[in-house]
Amino acid sequence: MTGDRSRSLRSLHEFWPWRAITRRRWVDDRNRTGEFRAEHQGHNLARLTNSRLKHHDGEVDTSDTDITNENFLNTWQTLGTQIEGVDDSVWAKLGGELLDAYSEPVRRYHTAVHVLAVLRTLEEITSVPSVEQQLAAFIHDAIYDPTAEGYANEEASAGWAEVRLPEAGVSPDVVAASATLTRATAGHRLDETDGCAEFLDADLAILAAPANTYDRYAENIRAEYAHVPKELFRAGRAAVLESFLARDVLFFSLEGQRRFESAARANLARELAALTS
């Protein structure tokens, strides 16, 4: 693993060199209309993950996927009512496409549950999340392939938004801001976009979860990288954790630091010790 990029905060979830080991499962074939197409293997809308994910303030049982799916779509529909000029039928179709994507069988952590957790955390640390932050929560992992190289997933997810959201009548300014927030998750580098600090903090709030919940999160990340040999995974993950812990701060907003910084560092240090023992 070389360079700052491979040691980025985002790489805590995704160690990029692993992605070249197996064949890509998502295909970016931007055609003449600019539309992104995803090729799924074993695609199944009705399945997310049977694991349980406890967020830092409560537990979400994903064994009941019908409830998770309903919450996801209802929240998406509610967001649409906050955006002037949205075509309701197209908006509903996009919500189905997103749920379809987050239901990809390869996913164990990056599911609809994660999207709902990000939205909940945004409400906690911002009181009233912006439309752009909420859109970014929905789209930031829309395309997720553990074997992809570099920041291809973030770029493809932002590209999906830039193509599909205008079809529903979302204004160019809102599309651009939500796409920019999505791209900021590539490396989790703060930029000047309004709400970026809080959005990035919400995306990684799982790091501050109770120990048993954090451990399930780590297990789910490992499951998404099942194609990576055990020793390579342990070495890569340990290197990323070390560089991550070397940062001055892990969270960017004052509220994020107050709520998450200490617990997150404890979890990361504990995982690192387990990986290197």
C-alpha atoms as a PDB file:
ATOM      1  CA  MET A   1       0.000   0.000   0.000  1.00  0.00           C
ATOM      2  CA  THR A   2       1.521   3.244  -1.146  1.00  0.00           C
ATOM      3  CA  GLY A   3       0.699   6.916  -1.022  1.00  0.00           C
ATOM      4  CA  ASP A   4      -1.574   9.080   1.044  1.00  0.00           C
ATOM      5  CA  ARG A   5      -4.614   8.009  -0.894  1.00  0.00           C
ATOM      6  CA  SER A   6      -4.287   4.349   0.076  1.00  0.00           C
ATOM      7  CA  ARG A   7      -4.003   5.403   3.711  1.00  0.00           C
ATOM      8  CA  SER A   8      -7.025   7.652   3.605  1.00  0.00           C
ATOM      9  CA  LEU A   9      -9.867   7.685   6.065  1.00  0.00           C
ATOM     10  CA  ARG A  10     -12.138   6.125   3.499  1.00  0.00           C
ATOM     11  CA  SER A  11      -9.703   3.220   3.259  1.00  0.00           C
ATOM     12  CA  LEU A  12     -10.642   2.314   6.793  1.00  0.00           C
ATOM     13  CA  HIS A  13     -13.621   0.717   5.096  1.00  0.00           C
ATOM     14  CA  GLU A  14     -12.042  -0.111   1.762  1.00  0.00           C
ATOM     15  CA  PHE A  15      -8.400  -1.052   1.246  1.00  0.00           C
ATOM     16  CA  TRP A  16      -8.133  -0.179  -2.439  1.00  0.00           C
ATOM     17  CA  PRO A  17      -5.451  -2.670  -3.626  1.00  0.00           C
ATOM     18  CA  TRP A  18      -7.737  -5.539  -2.635  1.00  0.00           C
ATOM     19  CA  ARG A  19     -10.170  -4.445  -5.283  1.00  0.00           C
ATOM     20  CA  ALA A  20      -7.954  -5.578  -8.127  1.00  0.00           C
ATOM     21  CA  ILE A  21      -7.886  -9.169  -6.875  1.00  0.00           C
ATOM     22  CA  THR A  22     -11.253 -10.275  -8.230  1.00  0.00           C
ATOM     23  CA  ARG A  23     -13.273  -9.388 -11.276  1.00  0.00           C
ATOM     24  CA  ARG A  24     -15.309  -6.201 -11.074  1.00  0.00           C
ATOM     25  CA  ARG A  25     -18.980  -6.800 -10.455  1.00  0.00           C
ATOM     26  CA  TRP A  26     -20.181  -3.290 -11.159  1.00  0.00           C
ATOM     27  CA  VAL A  27     -19.754  -2.027 -14.710  1.00  0.00           C
ATOM     28  CA  ASP A  28     -19.719   1.655 -15.497  1.00  0.00           C
ATOM     29  CA  ASP A  29     -20.937   1.886 -19.065  1.00  0.00           C
ATOM     30  CA  ARG A  30     -21.925   5.491 -19.414  1.00  0.00           C
ATOM     31  CA  ASN A  31     -23.716   5.328 -22.747  1.00  0.00           C
ATOM     32  CA  ARG A  32     -24.754   8.076 -25.103  1.00  0.00           C
ATOM     33  CA  THR A  33     -27.331   9.393 -22.630  1.00  0.00           C
ATOM     34  CA  GLY A  34     -24.758   9.389 -19.824  1.00  0.00           C
ATOM     35  CA  GLU A  35     -26.715   6.814 -17.853  1.00  0.00           C
ATOM     36  CA  PHE A  36     -24.900   4.507 -15.482  1.00  0.00           C
ATOM     37  CA  ARG A  37     -25.757   0.808 -15.575  1.00  0.00           C
ATOM     38  CA  ALA A  38     -24.934  -1.685 -12.858  1.00  0.00           C
ATOM     39  CA  GLU A  39     -24.562  -5.375 -13.582  1.00  0.00           C
ATOM     40  CA  HIS A  40     -25.527  -7.387 -10.534  1.00  0.00           C
ATOM     41  CA  GLN A  41     -24.693 -11.007  -9.863  1.00  0.00           C
ATOM     42  CA  GLY A  42     -27.383 -12.755  -7.876  1.00  0.00           C
ATOM     43  CA  HIS A  43     -29.348  -9.532  -7.544  1.00  0.00           C
ATOM     44  CA  ASN A  44     -32.223  -9.686  -5.042  1.00  0.00           C
ATOM     45  CA  LEU A  45     -34.223  -6.658  -3.962  1.00  0.00           C
ATOM     46  CA  ALA A  46     -35.829  -8.442  -1.060  1.00  0.00           C
ATOM     47  CA  ARG A  47     -32.577  -9.199   0.721  1.00  0.00           C
ATOM     48  CA  LEU A  48     -30.313  -6.771   2.528  1.00  0.00           C
ATOM     49  CA  THR A  49     -28.389  -8.468   5.310  1.00  0.00           C
ATOM     50  CA  ASN A  50     -29.418 -10.690   8.174  1.00  0.00           C
ATOM     51  CA  SER A  51     -26.888  -9.184  10.538  1.00  0.00           C
ATOM     52  CA  ARG A  52     -27.906  -6.786  13.306  1.00  0.00           C
ATOM     53  CA  LEU A  53     -26.449  -3.285  13.298  1.00  0.00           C
ATOM     54  CA  LYS A  54     -26.650  -1.237  16.476  1.00  0.00           C
ATOM     55  CA  HIS A  55     -26.077   2.416  15.857  1.00  0.00           C
ATOM     56  CA  HIS A  56     -24.406   4.485  18.559  1.00  0.00           C
ATOM     57  CA  ASP A  57     -27.785   5.425  20.081  1.00  0.00           C
ATOM     58  CA  GLY A  58     -29.964   2.417  19.326  1.00  0.00           C
ATOM     59  CA  GLU A  59     -30.401  -0.815  17.487  1.00  0.00           C
ATOM     60  CA  VAL A  60     -31.792  -1.506  14.054  1.00  0.00           C
ATOM     61  CA  ASP A  61     -32.744  -5.106  13.361  1.00  0.00           C
ATOM     62  CA  THR A  62     -32.173  -5.749   9.674  1.00  0.00           C
ATOM     63  CA  SER A  63     -33.581  -9.261   9.850  1.00  0.00           C
ATOM     64  CA  ASP A  64     -36.919  -7.598   9.021  1.00  0.00           C
ATOM     65  CA  THR A  65     -35.984  -6.322   5.613  1.00  0.00           C
ATOM     66  CA  ASP A  66     -39.541  -5.342   4.760  1.00  0.00           C
ATOM     67  CA  ILE A  67     -39.514  -2.722   7.519  1.00  0.00           C
ATOM     68  CA  THR A  68     -36.064  -1.489   6.500  1.00  0.00           C
ATOM     69  CA  ASN A  69     -37.102  -1.234   2.857  1.00  0.00           C
ATOM     70  CA  GLU A  70     -40.320   0.571   3.750  1.00  0.00           C
ATOM     71  CA  ASN A  71     -38.482   3.063   5.949  1.00  0.00           C
ATOM     72  CA  PHE A  72     -35.928   3.670   3.215  1.00  0.00           C
ATOM     73  CA  LEU A  73     -38.558   4.352   0.551  1.00  0.00           C
ATOM     74  CA  ASN A  74     -40.786   6.422   2.842  1.00  0.00           C
ATOM     75  CA  THR A  75     -37.829   8.579   3.861  1.00  0.00           C
ATOM     76  CA  TRP A  76     -36.869   9.012   0.215  1.00  0.00           C
ATOM     77  CA  GLN A  77     -40.423  10.059  -0.645  1.00  0.00           C
ATOM     78  CA  THR A  78     -40.487  12.540   2.223  1.00  0.00           C
ATOM     79  CA  LEU A  79     -37.230  14.052   1.004  1.00  0.00           C
ATOM     80  CA  GLY A  80     -38.793  14.519  -2.420  1.00  0.00           C
ATOM     81  CA  THR A  81     -41.517  16.705  -0.935  1.00  0.00           C
ATOM     82  CA  GLN A  82     -38.817  19.116   0.278  1.00  0.00           C
ATOM     83  CA  ILE A  83     -37.466  19.679  -3.230  1.00  0.00           C
ATOM     84  CA  GLU A  84     -39.352  22.120  -5.435  1.00  0.00           C
ATOM     85  CA  GLY A  85     -40.328  20.933  -8.905  1.00  0.00           C
ATOM     86  CA  VAL A  86     -39.709  17.206  -8.417  1.00  0.00           C
ATOM     87  CA  ASP A  87     -41.546  14.801 -10.718  1.00  0.00           C
ATOM     88  CA  ASP A  88     -43.184  12.401  -8.265  1.00  0.00           C
ATOM     89  CA  SER A  89     -43.218   9.373 -10.556  1.00  0.00           C
ATOM     90  CA  VAL A  90     -39.575   9.725 -11.574  1.00  0.00           C
ATOM     91  CA  TRP A  91     -38.578  10.384  -7.971  1.00  0.00           C
ATOM     92  CA  ALA A  92     -40.320   7.196  -6.850  1.00  0.00           C
ATOM     93  CA  LYS A  93     -38.541   5.251  -9.574  1.00  0.00           C
ATOM     94  CA  LEU A  94     -35.163   6.575  -8.443  1.00  0.00           C
ATOM     95  CA  GLY A  95     -35.910   5.545  -4.869  1.00  0.00           C
ATOM     96  CA  GLY A  96     -36.557   2.019  -6.079  1.00  0.00           C
ATOM     97  CA  GLU A  97     -33.306   2.015  -8.026  1.00  0.00           C
ATOM     98  CA  LEU A  98     -31.384   3.120  -4.952  1.00  0.00           C
ATOM     99  CA  LEU A  99     -32.975   0.490  -2.737  1.00  0.00           C
ATOM    100  CA  ASP A 100     -32.204  -2.051  -5.435  1.00  0.00           C
ATOM    101  CA  ALA A 101     -28.553  -0.993  -5.350  1.00  0.00           C
ATOM    102  CA  TYR A 102     -28.276  -1.048  -1.553  1.00  0.00           C
ATOM    103  CA  SER A 103     -29.761  -4.559  -1.608  1.00  0.00           C
ATOM    104  CA  GLU A 104     -26.858  -5.985  -3.623  1.00  0.00           C
ATOM    105  CA  PRO A 105     -25.885  -9.343  -2.010  1.00  0.00           C
ATOM    106  CA  VAL A 106     -22.200  -8.378  -1.750  1.00  0.00           C
ATOM    107  CA  ARG A 107     -23.108  -5.715   0.793  1.00  0.00           C
ATOM    108  CA  ARG A 108     -23.021  -6.454   4.501  1.00  0.00           C
ATOM    109  CA  TYR A 109     -22.419  -3.010   5.983  1.00  0.00           C
ATOM    110  CA  HIS A 110     -23.038  -0.617   3.072  1.00  0.00           C
ATOM    111  CA  THR A 111     -26.779  -1.311   2.991  1.00  0.00           C
ATOM    112  CA  ALA A 112     -30.004   0.642   3.379  1.00  0.00           C
ATOM    113  CA  VAL A 113     -29.480   0.400   7.139  1.00  0.00           C
ATOM    114  CA  HIS A 114     -26.308   2.470   6.801  1.00  0.00           C
ATOM    115  CA  VAL A 115     -28.167   5.125   4.813  1.00  0.00           C
ATOM    116  CA  LEU A 116     -30.856   5.389   7.494  1.00  0.00           C
ATOM    117  CA  ALA A 117     -28.206   5.556  10.222  1.00  0.00           C
ATOM    118  CA  VAL A 118     -26.430   8.427   8.445  1.00  0.00           C
ATOM    119  CA  LEU A 119     -29.712  10.303   8.151  1.00  0.00           C
ATOM    120  CA  ARG A 120     -30.487   9.772  11.813  1.00  0.00           C
ATOM    121  CA  THR A 121     -27.064  10.997  12.874  1.00  0.00           C
ATOM    122  CA  LEU A 122     -27.406  14.077  10.668  1.00  0.00           C
ATOM    123  CA  GLU A 123     -30.607  14.937  12.517  1.00  0.00           C
ATOM    124  CA  GLU A 124     -28.802  14.573  15.828  1.00  0.00           C
ATOM    125  CA  ILE A 125     -25.795  16.740  15.048  1.00  0.00           C
ATOM    126  CA  THR A 126     -27.439  19.344  12.786  1.00  0.00           C
ATOM    127  CA  SER A 127     -31.053  19.431  14.039  1.00  0.00           C
ATOM    128  CA  VAL A 128     -32.303  20.156  10.515  1.00  0.00           C
ATOM    129  CA  PRO A 129     -30.205  18.463   7.799  1.00  0.00           C
ATOM    130  CA  SER A 130     -30.123  20.234   4.469  1.00  0.00           C
ATOM    131  CA  VAL A 131     -31.659  18.696   1.372  1.00  0.00           C
ATOM    132  CA  GLU A 132     -28.162  18.343  -0.049  1.00  0.00           C
ATOM    133  CA  GLN A 133     -26.923  16.427   3.007  1.00  0.00           C
ATOM    134  CA  GLN A 134     -29.920  14.118   2.897  1.00  0.00           C
ATOM    135  CA  LEU A 135     -29.479  13.469  -0.814  1.00  0.00           C
ATOM    136  CA  ALA A 136     -25.809  12.699  -0.267  1.00  0.00           C
ATOM    137  CA  ALA A 137     -26.746  10.212   2.446  1.00  0.00           C
ATOM    138  CA  PHE A 138     -28.849   8.334  -0.063  1.00  0.00           C
ATOM    139  CA  ILE A 139     -26.438   8.433  -2.981  1.00  0.00           C
ATOM    140  CA  HIS A 140     -22.946   8.284  -1.468  1.00  0.00           C
ATOM    141  CA  ASP A 141     -22.709   4.467  -1.589  1.00  0.00           C
ATOM    142  CA  ALA A 142     -25.193   3.912  -4.400  1.00  0.00           C
ATOM    143  CA  ILE A 143     -22.506   2.142  -6.381  1.00  0.00           C
ATOM    144  CA  TYR A 144     -20.337  -0.088  -4.248  1.00  0.00           C
ATOM    145  CA  ASP A 145     -17.941  -2.727  -5.512  1.00  0.00           C
ATOM    146  CA  PRO A 146     -15.323  -4.063  -3.067  1.00  0.00           C
ATOM    147  CA  THR A 147     -13.085  -4.967  -6.008  1.00  0.00           C
ATOM    148  CA  ALA A 148     -13.133  -1.521  -7.654  1.00  0.00           C
ATOM    149  CA  GLU A 149      -9.919   0.465  -7.868  1.00  0.00           C
ATOM    150  CA  GLY A 150      -9.182   3.885  -6.466  1.00  0.00           C
ATOM    151  CA  TYR A 151     -12.178   6.076  -5.788  1.00  0.00           C
ATOM    152  CA  ALA A 152     -14.256   4.579  -8.599  1.00  0.00           C
ATOM    153  CA  ASN A 153     -17.244   3.889  -6.365  1.00  0.00           C
ATOM    154  CA  GLU A 154     -17.563   7.440  -5.071  1.00  0.00           C
ATOM    155  CA  GLU A 155     -17.104   8.881  -8.541  1.00  0.00           C
ATOM    156  CA  ALA A 156     -19.676   6.507 -10.043  1.00  0.00           C
ATOM    157  CA  SER A 157     -22.157   7.234  -7.251  1.00  0.00           C
ATOM    158  CA  ALA A 158     -21.764  10.989  -7.772  1.00  0.00           C
ATOM    159  CA  GLY A 159     -22.051  10.452 -11.518  1.00  0.00           C
ATOM    160  CA  TRP A 160     -25.275   8.531 -11.047  1.00  0.00           C
ATOM    161  CA  ALA A 161     -26.689  11.488  -9.132  1.00  0.00           C
ATOM    162  CA  GLU A 162     -25.555  13.982 -11.750  1.00  0.00           C
ATOM    163  CA  VAL A 163     -27.358  12.012 -14.463  1.00  0.00           C
ATOM    164  CA  ARG A 164     -30.479  10.709 -12.743  1.00  0.00           C
ATOM    165  CA  LEU A 165     -31.462  13.462 -10.290  1.00  0.00           C
ATOM    166  CA  PRO A 166     -32.018  16.075 -13.050  1.00  0.00           C
ATOM    167  CA  GLU A 167     -34.419  13.630 -14.685  1.00  0.00           C
ATOM    168  CA  ALA A 168     -36.601  13.980 -11.583  1.00  0.00           C
ATOM    169  CA  GLY A 169     -36.458  17.775 -11.739  1.00  0.00           C
ATOM    170  CA  VAL A 170     -33.818  18.391  -9.059  1.00  0.00           C
ATOM    171  CA  SER A 171     -32.144  21.752  -9.625  1.00  0.00           C
ATOM    172  CA  PRO A 172     -28.538  21.905 -10.878  1.00  0.00           C
ATOM    173  CA  ASP A 173     -27.314  23.587  -7.683  1.00  0.00           C
ATOM    174  CA  VAL A 174     -28.764  20.875  -5.452  1.00  0.00           C
ATOM    175  CA  VAL A 175     -27.435  18.116  -7.698  1.00  0.00           C
ATOM    176  CA  ALA A 176     -23.963  19.641  -7.745  1.00  0.00           C
ATOM    177  CA  ALA A 177     -23.809  20.070  -3.966  1.00  0.00           C
ATOM    178  CA  SER A 178     -24.988  16.536  -3.202  1.00  0.00           C
ATOM    179  CA  ALA A 179     -22.544  15.110  -5.741  1.00  0.00           C
ATOM    180  CA  THR A 180     -19.726  17.135  -4.196  1.00  0.00           C
ATOM    181  CA  LEU A 181     -20.567  15.788  -0.734  1.00  0.00           C
ATOM    182  CA  THR A 182     -20.543  12.279  -2.173  1.00  0.00           C
ATOM    183  CA  ARG A 183     -17.106  12.806  -3.695  1.00  0.00           C
ATOM    184  CA  ALA A 184     -15.870  14.103  -0.341  1.00  0.00           C
ATOM    185  CA  THR A 185     -16.288  10.585   1.069  1.00  0.00           C
ATOM    186  CA  ALA A 186     -13.402   9.556  -1.181  1.00  0.00           C
ATOM    187  CA  GLY A 187     -10.719   9.932   1.456  1.00  0.00           C
ATOM    188  CA  HIS A 188     -13.106  11.750   3.781  1.00  0.00           C
ATOM    189  CA  ARG A 189     -11.380  15.048   3.091  1.00  0.00           C
ATOM    190  CA  LEU A 190     -13.178  18.168   4.260  1.00  0.00           C
ATOM    191  CA  ASP A 191     -13.997  20.739   1.589  1.00  0.00           C
ATOM    192  CA  GLU A 192     -15.805  24.069   1.634  1.00  0.00           C
ATOM    193  CA  THR A 193     -19.216  22.695   0.700  1.00  0.00           C
ATOM    194  CA  ASP A 194     -21.873  23.685   3.238  1.00  0.00           C
ATOM    195  CA  GLY A 195     -22.594  20.845   5.636  1.00  0.00           C
ATOM    196  CA  CYS A 196     -19.616  18.756   4.585  1.00  0.00           C
ATOM    197  CA  ALA A 197     -18.182  18.377   8.090  1.00  0.00           C
ATOM    198  CA  GLU A 198     -21.438  17.109   9.571  1.00  0.00           C
ATOM    199  CA  PHE A 199     -22.113  14.820   6.628  1.00  0.00           C
ATOM    200  CA  LEU A 200     -18.696  13.174   6.812  1.00  0.00           C
ATOM    201  CA  ASP A 201     -19.042  12.779  10.575  1.00  0.00           C
ATOM    202  CA  ALA A 202     -22.446  11.126  10.188  1.00  0.00           C
ATOM    203  CA  ASP A 203     -21.044   8.710   7.617  1.00  0.00           C
ATOM    204  CA  LEU A 204     -18.440   7.472  10.112  1.00  0.00           C
ATOM    205  CA  ALA A 205     -20.410   7.680  13.347  1.00  0.00           C
ATOM    206  CA  ILE A 206     -20.400   3.861  13.471  1.00  0.00           C
ATOM    207  CA  LEU A 207     -16.773   4.097  14.592  1.00  0.00           C
ATOM    208  CA  ALA A 208     -18.012   5.420  17.926  1.00  0.00           C
ATOM    209  CA  ALA A 209     -20.570   2.662  18.459  1.00  0.00           C
ATOM    210  CA  PRO A 210     -20.555   0.427  21.555  1.00  0.00           C
ATOM    211  CA  ALA A 211     -17.803  -2.186  21.380  1.00  0.00           C
ATOM    212  CA  ASN A 212     -20.019  -5.126  20.418  1.00  0.00           C
ATOM    213  CA  THR A 213     -21.700  -3.078  17.687  1.00  0.00           C
ATOM    214  CA  TYR A 214     -18.360  -1.885  16.356  1.00  0.00           C
ATOM    215  CA  ASP A 215     -17.181  -5.484  16.261  1.00  0.00           C
ATOM    216  CA  ARG A 216     -20.188  -6.460  14.137  1.00  0.00           C
ATOM    217  CA  TYR A 217     -19.416  -3.553  11.842  1.00  0.00           C
ATOM    218  CA  ALA A 218     -15.822  -4.779  11.463  1.00  0.00           C
ATOM    219  CA  GLU A 219     -17.076  -8.298  10.787  1.00  0.00           C
ATOM    220  CA  ASN A 220     -19.414  -6.985   8.099  1.00  0.00           C
ATOM    221  CA  ILE A 221     -16.583  -5.074   6.427  1.00  0.00           C
ATOM    222  CA  ARG A 222     -14.492  -8.253   6.464  1.00  0.00           C
ATOM    223  CA  ALA A 223     -17.395 -10.141   4.872  1.00  0.00           C
ATOM    224  CA  GLU A 224     -17.552  -7.580   2.060  1.00  0.00           C
ATOM    225  CA  TYR A 225     -13.879  -8.349   1.435  1.00  0.00           C
ATOM    226  CA  ALA A 226     -14.152 -12.099   1.699  1.00  0.00           C
ATOM    227  CA  HIS A 227     -12.199 -12.355  -1.553  1.00  0.00           C
ATOM    228  CA  VAL A 228      -9.109 -10.957   0.198  1.00  0.00           C
ATOM    229  CA  PRO A 229      -6.776 -13.492   1.861  1.00  0.00           C
ATOM    230  CA  LYS A 230      -6.816 -13.330   5.654  1.00  0.00           C
ATOM    231  CA  GLU A 231      -3.238 -12.214   6.200  1.00  0.00           C
ATOM    232  CA  LEU A 232      -3.411  -9.569   3.491  1.00  0.00           C
ATOM    233  CA  PHE A 233      -6.616  -8.222   4.985  1.00  0.00           C
ATOM    234  CA  ARG A 234      -5.140  -8.062   8.486  1.00  0.00           C
ATOM    235  CA  ALA A 235      -1.983  -6.317   7.310  1.00  0.00           C
ATOM    236  CA  GLY A 236      -3.816  -3.800   5.170  1.00  0.00           C
ATOM    237  CA  ARG A 237      -6.446  -3.036   7.743  1.00  0.00           C
ATOM    238  CA  ALA A 238      -3.829  -2.614  10.476  1.00  0.00           C
ATOM    239  CA  ALA A 239      -1.816  -0.186   8.362  1.00  0.00           C
ATOM    240  CA  VAL A 240      -4.897   1.888   7.657  1.00  0.00           C
ATOM    241  CA  LEU A 241      -5.917   1.944  11.312  1.00  0.00           C
ATOM    242  CA  GLU A 242      -2.446   3.107  12.318  1.00  0.00           C
ATOM    243  CA  SER A 243      -2.506   6.015   9.885  1.00  0.00           C
ATOM    244  CA  PHE A 244      -6.047   6.839  10.870  1.00  0.00           C
ATOM    245  CA  LEU A 245      -5.200   6.999  14.572  1.00  0.00           C
ATOM    246  CA  ALA A 246      -2.285   9.291  13.738  1.00  0.00           C
ATOM    247  CA  ARG A 247      -4.658  12.009  12.604  1.00  0.00           C
ATOM    248  CA  ASP A 248      -5.146  15.060  14.788  1.00  0.00           C
ATOM    249  CA  VAL A 249      -8.923  14.605  14.617  1.00  0.00           C
ATOM    250  CA  LEU A 250     -11.161  11.900  13.208  1.00  0.00           C
ATOM    251  CA  PHE A 251     -14.304  14.037  13.055  1.00  0.00           C
ATOM    252  CA  PHE A 252     -14.608  17.511  11.625  1.00  0.00           C
ATOM    253  CA  SER A 253     -17.555  19.216  13.300  1.00  0.00           C
ATOM    254  CA  LEU A 254     -17.403  20.312  16.909  1.00  0.00           C
ATOM    255  CA  GLU A 255     -20.475  18.244  17.701  1.00  0.00           C
ATOM    256  CA  GLY A 256     -19.006  15.226  15.929  1.00  0.00           C
ATOM    257  CA  GLN A 257     -15.817  15.538  17.908  1.00  0.00           C
ATOM    258  CA  ARG A 258     -17.736  15.888  21.159  1.00  0.00           C
ATOM    259  CA  ARG A 259     -19.940  12.883  20.496  1.00  0.00           C
ATOM    260  CA  PHE A 260     -17.656  10.492  18.639  1.00  0.00           C
ATOM    261  CA  GLU A 261     -13.931  11.243  18.859  1.00  0.00           C
ATOM    262  CA  SER A 262     -13.023   9.503  22.116  1.00  0.00           C
ATOM    263  CA  ALA A 263     -15.125   6.373  21.596  1.00  0.00           C
ATOM    264  CA  ALA A 264     -13.996   6.026  17.997  1.00  0.00           C
ATOM    265  CA  ARG A 265     -10.327   6.158  18.922  1.00  0.00           C
ATOM    266  CA  ALA A 266     -10.883   3.521  21.588  1.00  0.00           C
ATOM    267  CA  ASN A 267     -12.576   1.199  19.086  1.00  0.00           C
ATOM    268  CA  LEU A 268      -9.892   1.688  16.454  1.00  0.00           C
ATOM    269  CA  ALA A 269      -7.091   1.104  18.933  1.00  0.00           C
ATOM    270  CA  ARG A 270      -8.797  -2.036  20.204  1.00  0.00           C
ATOM    271  CA  GLU A 271      -9.233  -3.441  16.705  1.00  0.00           C
ATOM    272  CA  LEU A 272      -5.655  -2.592  15.819  1.00  0.00           C
ATOM    273  CA  ALA A 273      -4.396  -4.443  18.895  1.00  0.00           C
ATOM    274  CA  ALA A 274      -6.419  -7.510  17.885  1.00  0.00           C
ATOM    275  CA  LEU A 275      -5.100  -7.417  14.339  1.00  0.00           C
ATOM    276  CA  THR A 276      -1.458  -7.141  15.396  1.00  0.00           C
ATOM    277  CA  SER A 277      -1.446  -9.517  18.359  1.00  0.00           C
END
